[in-house]
Amino acid sequence: MRLADWQKAFIQALEPQGSATRLVQLVNEAEQNRLEIYRNNAFQAILSALQLVFPVCQAVVGETCFTQLVKGYGQQYPLNDSNLNRYGQNFAHWLALEISQHQVFRDLQYLPELAQLEWLLNQSYYAMDLEGFMLPPNCSLEQLAELNDLEQQQAVLLLRPDLELLICHYPVQQVWHRHKQSSKNNIAEHIDNDAYYLVIHRNGFKAEFSLVEQPMMRLLQALAEGQTLAQITNPAQDLSLLSELIERQWICGFRLAVETG
């Protein structure tokens, strides 16, 4: 039998709902008893990884419940990437489906948004460094002054690679801070109807988030979509906020959308 076939049988046997039938045919009886040990070790590795990414979610529901949620998530989304830092990308979406189907979670409707906040904090922490991001064709903001008027209109302002945007309908930032009482980052609470606008970013070696108003979020979304200066120059956008975004270093440079001859 080819090594690839043996590896496939082994991985399938380790999955939470996987079948060990094929693997059992390939190993002796003594080795078969070790399969459950391997399977448990694989789950513990996944559980530990998600506990690191979603510590506040675990604090909210408790360790036992969180462990069961991870088991369910693993059944729906089997691990297919050796990098465990990427494994939780569907966790918030899966939680939303679970919560909608089980009455026991009726008081935790905010949990998926909390999970998404924690996931984006994780993404921000592991995002590309600015030095690696600011390579051609990306240019520094100082170079913007060297462009003619036509070229400036085709410039796309770049957000930092560690910056993420999140719009929530529950005040999950309050939940997060309540479970992170050691946090020294006291942020003002801005409430716009039933929406909360969060900007996740890295500060040194720590990922954190800031609460902003709707106009700033609208402008950030346009920049994240890759809109040019010409496109964002419209009544829907408050361009006076650009100076604050640059001061906060959330805008880090620009690139040209098209060649302008």
C-alpha atoms as a PDB file:
ATOM      1  CA  MET A   1       0.000   0.000   0.000  1.00  0.00           C
ATOM      2  CA  ARG A   2       1.207   3.505  -0.778  1.00  0.00           C
ATOM      3  CA  LEU A   3       2.289   5.778   2.081  1.00  0.00           C
ATOM      4  CA  ALA A   4      -0.303   8.346   1.007  1.00  0.00           C
ATOM      5  CA  ASP A   5      -3.095   5.780   1.426  1.00  0.00           C
ATOM      6  CA  TRP A   6      -1.858   4.852   4.890  1.00  0.00           C
ATOM      7  CA  GLN A   7      -1.670   8.516   5.916  1.00  0.00           C
ATOM      8  CA  LYS A   8      -5.182   9.153   4.609  1.00  0.00           C
ATOM      9  CA  ALA A   9      -6.542   6.212   6.611  1.00  0.00           C
ATOM     10  CA  PHE A  10      -4.743   7.447   9.733  1.00  0.00           C
ATOM     11  CA  ILE A  11      -6.084  11.007   9.431  1.00  0.00           C
ATOM     12  CA  GLN A  12      -9.614   9.748   8.789  1.00  0.00           C
ATOM     13  CA  ALA A  13      -9.423   7.590  11.897  1.00  0.00           C
ATOM     14  CA  LEU A  14      -8.406  10.590  14.013  1.00  0.00           C
ATOM     15  CA  GLU A  15     -11.385  12.692  12.988  1.00  0.00           C
ATOM     16  CA  PRO A  16     -14.129  12.963  15.673  1.00  0.00           C
ATOM     17  CA  GLN A  17     -16.650  11.068  13.516  1.00  0.00           C
ATOM     18  CA  GLY A  18     -14.070   9.363  11.345  1.00  0.00           C
ATOM     19  CA  SER A  19     -13.972   5.666  10.602  1.00  0.00           C
ATOM     20  CA  ALA A  20     -11.035   3.551  11.741  1.00  0.00           C
ATOM     21  CA  THR A  21     -12.069   0.548   9.639  1.00  0.00           C
ATOM     22  CA  ARG A  22      -9.471   1.094   6.962  1.00  0.00           C
ATOM     23  CA  LEU A  23      -6.667   1.787   9.437  1.00  0.00           C
ATOM     24  CA  VAL A  24      -7.495  -1.277  11.532  1.00  0.00           C
ATOM     25  CA  GLN A  25      -6.878  -3.419   8.474  1.00  0.00           C
ATOM     26  CA  LEU A  26      -3.363  -2.010   8.189  1.00  0.00           C
ATOM     27  CA  VAL A  27      -2.025  -2.366  11.739  1.00  0.00           C
ATOM     28  CA  ASN A  28      -1.677  -5.166  14.251  1.00  0.00           C
ATOM     29  CA  GLU A  29      -3.933  -5.551  17.287  1.00  0.00           C
ATOM     30  CA  ALA A  30      -1.445  -4.021  19.719  1.00  0.00           C
ATOM     31  CA  GLU A  31      -1.286  -0.818  17.682  1.00  0.00           C
ATOM     32  CA  GLN A  32      -5.062  -0.597  17.388  1.00  0.00           C
ATOM     33  CA  ASN A  33      -5.344   0.177  21.103  1.00  0.00           C
ATOM     34  CA  ARG A  34      -3.284   3.304  20.603  1.00  0.00           C
ATOM     35  CA  LEU A  35      -5.720   4.805  18.146  1.00  0.00           C
ATOM     36  CA  GLU A  36      -7.977   6.283  20.825  1.00  0.00           C
ATOM     37  CA  ILE A  37      -4.913   7.836  22.494  1.00  0.00           C
ATOM     38  CA  TYR A  38      -3.901   9.478  19.230  1.00  0.00           C
ATOM     39  CA  ARG A  39      -7.469  10.637  18.644  1.00  0.00           C
ATOM     40  CA  ASN A  40      -7.723  12.184  22.101  1.00  0.00           C
ATOM     41  CA  ASN A  41      -4.341  13.890  21.738  1.00  0.00           C
ATOM     42  CA  ALA A  42      -5.439  15.362  18.417  1.00  0.00           C
ATOM     43  CA  PHE A  43      -8.619  16.755  19.980  1.00  0.00           C
ATOM     44  CA  GLN A  44      -6.736  18.172  22.964  1.00  0.00           C
ATOM     45  CA  ALA A  45      -4.412  20.024  20.593  1.00  0.00           C
ATOM     46  CA  ILE A  46      -7.405  21.540  18.800  1.00  0.00           C
ATOM     47  CA  LEU A  47      -9.144  22.376  22.077  1.00  0.00           C
ATOM     48  CA  SER A  48      -6.036  24.089  23.462  1.00  0.00           C
ATOM     49  CA  ALA A  49      -5.649  26.119  20.275  1.00  0.00           C
ATOM     50  CA  LEU A  50      -9.250  27.354  20.358  1.00  0.00           C
ATOM     51  CA  GLN A  51      -9.057  28.080  24.091  1.00  0.00           C
ATOM     52  CA  LEU A  52      -6.177  30.442  23.331  1.00  0.00           C
ATOM     53  CA  VAL A  53      -8.116  32.171  20.562  1.00  0.00           C
ATOM     54  CA  PHE A  54     -11.515  32.360  22.325  1.00  0.00           C
ATOM     55  CA  PRO A  55     -10.730  32.723  26.063  1.00  0.00           C
ATOM     56  CA  VAL A  56     -13.628  35.085  26.768  1.00  0.00           C
ATOM     57  CA  CYS A  57     -16.117  32.839  24.974  1.00  0.00           C
ATOM     58  CA  GLN A  58     -14.958  29.989  27.191  1.00  0.00           C
ATOM     59  CA  ALA A  59     -15.264  32.185  30.280  1.00  0.00           C
ATOM     60  CA  VAL A  60     -18.855  33.030  29.331  1.00  0.00           C
ATOM     61  CA  VAL A  61     -20.097  29.467  28.739  1.00  0.00           C
ATOM     62  CA  GLY A  62     -17.716  27.563  31.026  1.00  0.00           C
ATOM     63  CA  GLU A  63     -14.985  25.071  30.187  1.00  0.00           C
ATOM     64  CA  THR A  64     -17.277  22.023  29.961  1.00  0.00           C
ATOM     65  CA  CYS A  65     -19.698  23.671  27.554  1.00  0.00           C
ATOM     66  CA  PHE A  66     -16.858  25.143  25.505  1.00  0.00           C
ATOM     67  CA  THR A  67     -15.280  21.708  25.168  1.00  0.00           C
ATOM     68  CA  GLN A  68     -18.545  20.310  23.823  1.00  0.00           C
ATOM     69  CA  LEU A  69     -18.844  23.226  21.410  1.00  0.00           C
ATOM     70  CA  VAL A  70     -15.348  22.536  20.117  1.00  0.00           C
ATOM     71  CA  LYS A  71     -16.275  18.884  19.575  1.00  0.00           C
ATOM     72  CA  GLY A  72     -19.305  19.925  17.563  1.00  0.00           C
ATOM     73  CA  TYR A  73     -17.250  22.427  15.584  1.00  0.00           C
ATOM     74  CA  GLY A  74     -14.692  19.741  14.816  1.00  0.00           C
ATOM     75  CA  GLN A  75     -17.397  17.465  13.436  1.00  0.00           C
ATOM     76  CA  GLN A  76     -18.638  20.202  11.120  1.00  0.00           C
ATOM     77  CA  TYR A  77     -15.197  21.557  10.226  1.00  0.00           C
ATOM     78  CA  PRO A  78     -12.560  18.799  10.356  1.00  0.00           C
ATOM     79  CA  LEU A  79      -8.991  20.012  10.674  1.00  0.00           C
ATOM     80  CA  ASN A  80      -7.342  20.155   7.248  1.00  0.00           C
ATOM     81  CA  ASP A  81      -4.553  22.637   7.928  1.00  0.00           C
ATOM     82  CA  SER A  82      -1.491  22.006  10.072  1.00  0.00           C
ATOM     83  CA  ASN A  83      -1.544  25.660  11.176  1.00  0.00           C
ATOM     84  CA  LEU A  84      -3.924  25.671  14.155  1.00  0.00           C
ATOM     85  CA  ASN A  85      -3.898  29.488  14.206  1.00  0.00           C
ATOM     86  CA  ARG A  86      -6.202  29.389  11.171  1.00  0.00           C
ATOM     87  CA  TYR A  87      -8.564  26.696  12.436  1.00  0.00           C
ATOM     88  CA  GLY A  88     -11.083  28.960  14.183  1.00  0.00           C
ATOM     89  CA  GLN A  89     -12.035  31.058  11.167  1.00  0.00           C
ATOM     90  CA  ASN A  90     -15.529  29.484  10.926  1.00  0.00           C
ATOM     91  CA  PHE A  91     -16.180  29.256  14.669  1.00  0.00           C
ATOM     92  CA  ALA A  92     -18.311  32.416  14.940  1.00  0.00           C
ATOM     93  CA  HIS A  93     -20.480  31.396  11.975  1.00  0.00           C
ATOM     94  CA  TRP A  94     -20.917  27.891  13.381  1.00  0.00           C
ATOM     95  CA  LEU A  95     -21.834  29.316  16.812  1.00  0.00           C
ATOM     96  CA  ALA A  96     -24.550  31.452  15.230  1.00  0.00           C
ATOM     97  CA  LEU A  97     -26.150  28.338  13.735  1.00  0.00           C
ATOM     98  CA  GLU A  98     -25.880  26.399  17.003  1.00  0.00           C
ATOM     99  CA  ILE A  99     -27.382  29.208  19.069  1.00  0.00           C
ATOM    100  CA  SER A 100     -30.295  29.617  16.669  1.00  0.00           C
ATOM    101  CA  GLN A 101     -31.140  25.918  17.041  1.00  0.00           C
ATOM    102  CA  HIS A 102     -30.852  25.413  20.816  1.00  0.00           C
ATOM    103  CA  GLN A 103     -32.949  27.149  23.457  1.00  0.00           C
ATOM    104  CA  VAL A 104     -30.260  26.652  26.080  1.00  0.00           C
ATOM    105  CA  PHE A 105     -28.337  29.484  24.387  1.00  0.00           C
ATOM    106  CA  ARG A 106     -31.282  31.900  24.223  1.00  0.00           C
ATOM    107  CA  ASP A 107     -29.531  34.371  26.574  1.00  0.00           C
ATOM    108  CA  LEU A 108     -26.245  34.209  24.654  1.00  0.00           C
ATOM    109  CA  GLN A 109     -27.284  35.691  21.321  1.00  0.00           C
ATOM    110  CA  TYR A 110     -24.200  37.916  21.454  1.00  0.00           C
ATOM    111  CA  LEU A 111     -21.779  34.968  21.588  1.00  0.00           C
ATOM    112  CA  PRO A 112     -21.110  34.721  17.809  1.00  0.00           C
ATOM    113  CA  GLU A 113     -20.163  38.410  17.656  1.00  0.00           C
ATOM    114  CA  LEU A 114     -17.939  37.977  20.699  1.00  0.00           C
ATOM    115  CA  ALA A 115     -16.276  35.013  18.993  1.00  0.00           C
ATOM    116  CA  GLN A 116     -15.749  37.053  15.833  1.00  0.00           C
ATOM    117  CA  LEU A 117     -14.128  39.827  17.874  1.00  0.00           C
ATOM    118  CA  GLU A 118     -11.738  37.349  19.473  1.00  0.00           C
ATOM    119  CA  TRP A 119     -10.988  35.766  16.101  1.00  0.00           C
ATOM    120  CA  LEU A 120     -10.154  39.144  14.542  1.00  0.00           C
ATOM    121  CA  LEU A 121      -7.911  39.978  17.502  1.00  0.00           C
ATOM    122  CA  ASN A 122      -6.084  36.737  16.765  1.00  0.00           C
ATOM    123  CA  GLN A 123      -5.872  37.596  13.057  1.00  0.00           C
ATOM    124  CA  SER A 124      -4.526  41.043  13.842  1.00  0.00           C
ATOM    125  CA  TYR A 125      -1.869  39.630  16.151  1.00  0.00           C
ATOM    126  CA  TYR A 126      -0.560  37.277  13.461  1.00  0.00           C
ATOM    127  CA  ALA A 127      -0.938  39.713  10.556  1.00  0.00           C
ATOM    128  CA  MET A 128       1.954  40.674   8.290  1.00  0.00           C
ATOM    129  CA  ASP A 129       4.377  43.264   9.656  1.00  0.00           C
ATOM    130  CA  LEU A 130       4.223  46.726   8.140  1.00  0.00           C
ATOM    131  CA  GLU A 131       7.768  46.447   6.805  1.00  0.00           C
ATOM    132  CA  GLY A 132       6.860  43.434   4.702  1.00  0.00           C
ATOM    133  CA  PHE A 133       3.606  45.054   3.559  1.00  0.00           C
ATOM    134  CA  MET A 134       5.156  48.319   2.366  1.00  0.00           C
ATOM    135  CA  LEU A 135       6.914  46.917  -0.674  1.00  0.00           C
ATOM    136  CA  PRO A 136       6.308  47.999  -4.313  1.00  0.00           C
ATOM    137  CA  PRO A 137       3.762  48.704  -5.672  1.00  0.00           C
ATOM    138  CA  ASN A 138       2.769  50.018  -2.222  1.00  0.00           C
ATOM    139  CA  CYS A 139       4.166  53.493  -1.523  1.00  0.00           C
ATOM    140  CA  SER A 140       4.614  55.677   1.551  1.00  0.00           C
ATOM    141  CA  LEU A 141       2.208  58.563   2.137  1.00  0.00           C
ATOM    142  CA  GLU A 142       5.045  61.048   1.621  1.00  0.00           C
ATOM    143  CA  GLN A 143       5.226  59.975  -2.025  1.00  0.00           C
ATOM    144  CA  LEU A 144       1.609  61.015  -2.584  1.00  0.00           C
ATOM    145  CA  ALA A 145       2.725  64.644  -2.904  1.00  0.00           C
ATOM    146  CA  GLU A 146       4.922  63.681  -5.865  1.00  0.00           C
ATOM    147  CA  LEU A 147       1.906  62.643  -7.975  1.00  0.00           C
ATOM    148  CA  ASN A 148       0.030  64.886 -10.362  1.00  0.00           C
ATOM    149  CA  ASP A 149      -3.684  65.555  -9.882  1.00  0.00           C
ATOM    150  CA  LEU A 150      -4.804  62.707 -12.149  1.00  0.00           C
ATOM    151  CA  GLU A 151      -2.525  60.199 -10.425  1.00  0.00           C
ATOM    152  CA  GLN A 152      -3.695  61.325  -6.987  1.00  0.00           C
ATOM    153  CA  GLN A 153      -7.311  60.662  -7.967  1.00  0.00           C
ATOM    154  CA  GLN A 154      -6.320  57.064  -8.823  1.00  0.00           C
ATOM    155  CA  ALA A 155      -4.518  56.528  -5.523  1.00  0.00           C
ATOM    156  CA  VAL A 156      -5.890  53.876  -3.160  1.00  0.00           C
ATOM    157  CA  LEU A 157      -5.101  54.607   0.476  1.00  0.00           C
ATOM    158  CA  LEU A 158      -3.910  51.483   2.272  1.00  0.00           C
ATOM    159  CA  LEU A 159      -5.005  50.322   5.697  1.00  0.00           C
ATOM    160  CA  ARG A 160      -2.480  48.619   7.928  1.00  0.00           C
ATOM    161  CA  PRO A 161      -2.294  44.845   7.317  1.00  0.00           C
ATOM    162  CA  ASP A 162      -3.166  44.193  10.975  1.00  0.00           C
ATOM    163  CA  LEU A 163      -6.345  46.294  10.867  1.00  0.00           C
ATOM    164  CA  GLU A 164      -9.735  44.539  10.901  1.00  0.00           C
ATOM    165  CA  LEU A 165     -13.262  45.964  10.935  1.00  0.00           C
ATOM    166  CA  LEU A 166     -16.261  44.626  12.838  1.00  0.00           C
ATOM    167  CA  ILE A 167     -19.831  45.887  13.150  1.00  0.00           C
ATOM    168  CA  CYS A 168     -21.753  44.375  16.076  1.00  0.00           C
ATOM    169  CA  HIS A 169     -25.361  44.546  17.197  1.00  0.00           C
ATOM    170  CA  TYR A 170     -24.489  43.606  20.767  1.00  0.00           C
ATOM    171  CA  PRO A 171     -22.037  45.462  23.055  1.00  0.00           C
ATOM    172  CA  VAL A 172     -19.496  42.635  22.955  1.00  0.00           C
ATOM    173  CA  GLN A 173     -16.695  45.089  23.710  1.00  0.00           C
ATOM    174  CA  GLN A 174     -18.206  45.471  27.187  1.00  0.00           C
ATOM    175  CA  VAL A 175     -18.319  41.701  27.657  1.00  0.00           C
ATOM    176  CA  TRP A 176     -14.702  41.413  26.517  1.00  0.00           C
ATOM    177  CA  HIS A 177     -13.497  44.131  28.895  1.00  0.00           C
ATOM    178  CA  ARG A 178     -15.510  42.701  31.787  1.00  0.00           C
ATOM    179  CA  HIS A 179     -13.617  39.421  31.421  1.00  0.00           C
ATOM    180  CA  LYS A 180     -10.314  41.241  30.870  1.00  0.00           C
ATOM    181  CA  GLN A 181     -10.371  43.424  33.957  1.00  0.00           C
ATOM    182  CA  SER A 182      -6.599  43.744  33.900  1.00  0.00           C
ATOM    183  CA  SER A 183      -6.878  45.689  30.635  1.00  0.00           C
ATOM    184  CA  LYS A 184      -5.662  49.262  31.015  1.00  0.00           C
ATOM    185  CA  ASN A 185      -7.238  50.383  27.753  1.00  0.00           C
ATOM    186  CA  ASN A 186     -10.282  52.363  28.843  1.00  0.00           C
ATOM    187  CA  ILE A 187     -12.363  53.290  25.822  1.00  0.00           C
ATOM    188  CA  ALA A 188     -15.334  55.597  25.635  1.00  0.00           C
ATOM    189  CA  GLU A 189     -18.653  53.985  24.784  1.00  0.00           C
ATOM    190  CA  HIS A 190     -20.131  55.377  21.552  1.00  0.00           C
ATOM    191  CA  ILE A 191     -23.571  54.035  20.792  1.00  0.00           C
ATOM    192  CA  ASP A 192     -25.208  54.553  17.410  1.00  0.00           C
ATOM    193  CA  ASN A 193     -28.693  53.074  17.562  1.00  0.00           C
ATOM    194  CA  ASP A 194     -28.140  49.327  17.919  1.00  0.00           C
ATOM    195  CA  ALA A 195     -24.743  49.115  16.190  1.00  0.00           C
ATOM    196  CA  TYR A 196     -21.200  49.163  17.548  1.00  0.00           C
ATOM    197  CA  TYR A 197     -18.271  49.885  15.243  1.00  0.00           C
ATOM    198  CA  LEU A 198     -15.009  48.238  16.237  1.00  0.00           C
ATOM    199  CA  VAL A 199     -11.583  48.660  14.672  1.00  0.00           C
ATOM    200  CA  ILE A 200      -9.187  45.861  15.595  1.00  0.00           C
ATOM    201  CA  HIS A 201      -5.498  46.691  15.279  1.00  0.00           C
ATOM    202  CA  ARG A 202      -2.094  45.856  16.673  1.00  0.00           C
ATOM    203  CA  ASN A 203      -0.340  48.109  19.159  1.00  0.00           C
ATOM    204  CA  GLY A 204       3.256  46.971  19.383  1.00  0.00           C
ATOM    205  CA  PHE A 205       3.061  43.251  20.098  1.00  0.00           C
ATOM    206  CA  LYS A 206      -0.519  43.357  21.382  1.00  0.00           C
ATOM    207  CA  ALA A 207      -3.780  43.220  19.440  1.00  0.00           C
ATOM    208  CA  GLU A 208      -6.500  45.545  20.715  1.00  0.00           C
ATOM    209  CA  PHE A 209      -9.610  47.309  19.466  1.00  0.00           C
ATOM    210  CA  SER A 210     -11.086  50.797  19.387  1.00  0.00           C
ATOM    211  CA  LEU A 211     -14.704  51.868  19.253  1.00  0.00           C
ATOM    212  CA  VAL A 212     -15.433  54.439  16.532  1.00  0.00           C
ATOM    213  CA  GLU A 213     -18.410  56.325  15.155  1.00  0.00           C
ATOM    214  CA  GLN A 214     -20.350  55.269  12.072  1.00  0.00           C
ATOM    215  CA  PRO A 215     -18.843  57.919   9.712  1.00  0.00           C
ATOM    216  CA  MET A 216     -15.322  56.685  10.421  1.00  0.00           C
ATOM    217  CA  MET A 217     -16.362  53.066   9.956  1.00  0.00           C
ATOM    218  CA  ARG A 218     -18.007  53.969   6.645  1.00  0.00           C
ATOM    219  CA  LEU A 219     -14.782  55.597   5.437  1.00  0.00           C
ATOM    220  CA  LEU A 220     -12.659  52.682   6.640  1.00  0.00           C
ATOM    221  CA  GLN A 221     -14.918  50.224   4.830  1.00  0.00           C
ATOM    222  CA  ALA A 222     -14.539  52.176   1.593  1.00  0.00           C
ATOM    223  CA  LEU A 223     -10.757  52.115   1.946  1.00  0.00           C
ATOM    224  CA  ALA A 224     -10.803  48.410   2.799  1.00  0.00           C
ATOM    225  CA  GLU A 225     -12.748  47.803  -0.425  1.00  0.00           C
ATOM    226  CA  GLY A 226      -9.938  49.458  -2.383  1.00  0.00           C
ATOM    227  CA  GLN A 227     -11.845  52.572  -3.433  1.00  0.00           C
ATOM    228  CA  THR A 228      -9.706  55.333  -4.933  1.00  0.00           C
ATOM    229  CA  LEU A 229      -9.510  58.929  -3.725  1.00  0.00           C
ATOM    230  CA  ALA A 230     -11.817  59.867  -6.595  1.00  0.00           C
ATOM    231  CA  GLN A 231     -14.381  57.284  -5.485  1.00  0.00           C
ATOM    232  CA  ILE A 232     -14.411  58.250  -1.812  1.00  0.00           C
ATOM    233  CA  THR A 233     -14.801  61.942  -2.680  1.00  0.00           C
ATOM    234  CA  ASN A 234     -18.570  62.010  -2.350  1.00  0.00           C
ATOM    235  CA  PRO A 235     -21.171  63.401   0.082  1.00  0.00           C
ATOM    236  CA  ALA A 236     -21.513  60.038   1.854  1.00  0.00           C
ATOM    237  CA  GLN A 237     -17.955  60.250   3.177  1.00  0.00           C
ATOM    238  CA  ASP A 238     -16.481  62.628   5.747  1.00  0.00           C
ATOM    239  CA  LEU A 239     -13.010  63.169   4.293  1.00  0.00           C
ATOM    240  CA  SER A 240     -12.012  65.344   7.247  1.00  0.00           C
ATOM    241  CA  LEU A 241     -11.545  62.042   9.106  1.00  0.00           C
ATOM    242  CA  LEU A 242      -8.595  61.108   6.877  1.00  0.00           C
ATOM    243  CA  SER A 243      -6.219  63.195   8.982  1.00  0.00           C
ATOM    244  CA  GLU A 244      -7.252  61.282  12.120  1.00  0.00           C
ATOM    245  CA  LEU A 245      -6.803  57.935  10.372  1.00  0.00           C
ATOM    246  CA  ILE A 246      -3.312  58.983   9.309  1.00  0.00           C
ATOM    247  CA  GLU A 247      -2.516  60.281  12.801  1.00  0.00           C
ATOM    248  CA  ARG A 248      -3.608  56.952  14.293  1.00  0.00           C
ATOM    249  CA  GLN A 249      -1.419  55.253  11.676  1.00  0.00           C
ATOM    250  CA  TRP A 250      -4.353  53.181  10.472  1.00  0.00           C
ATOM    251  CA  ILE A 251      -3.607  54.469   6.977  1.00  0.00           C
ATOM    252  CA  CYS A 252      -0.046  53.472   6.176  1.00  0.00           C
ATOM    253  CA  GLY A 253       0.469  54.262   2.493  1.00  0.00           C
ATOM    254  CA  PHE A 254      -1.063  54.088  -0.958  1.00  0.00           C
ATOM    255  CA  ARG A 255      -0.889  52.374  -4.315  1.00  0.00           C
ATOM    256  CA  LEU A 256      -2.113  53.354  -7.747  1.00  0.00           C
ATOM    257  CA  ALA A 257      -5.267  51.595  -8.902  1.00  0.00           C
ATOM    258  CA  VAL A 258      -4.358  51.905 -12.589  1.00  0.00           C
ATOM    259  CA  GLU A 259      -1.460  53.027 -14.694  1.00  0.00           C
ATOM    260  CA  THR A 260      -1.966  56.709 -15.448  1.00  0.00           C
ATOM    261  CA  GLY A 261       0.604  57.046 -18.227  1.00  0.00           C
END
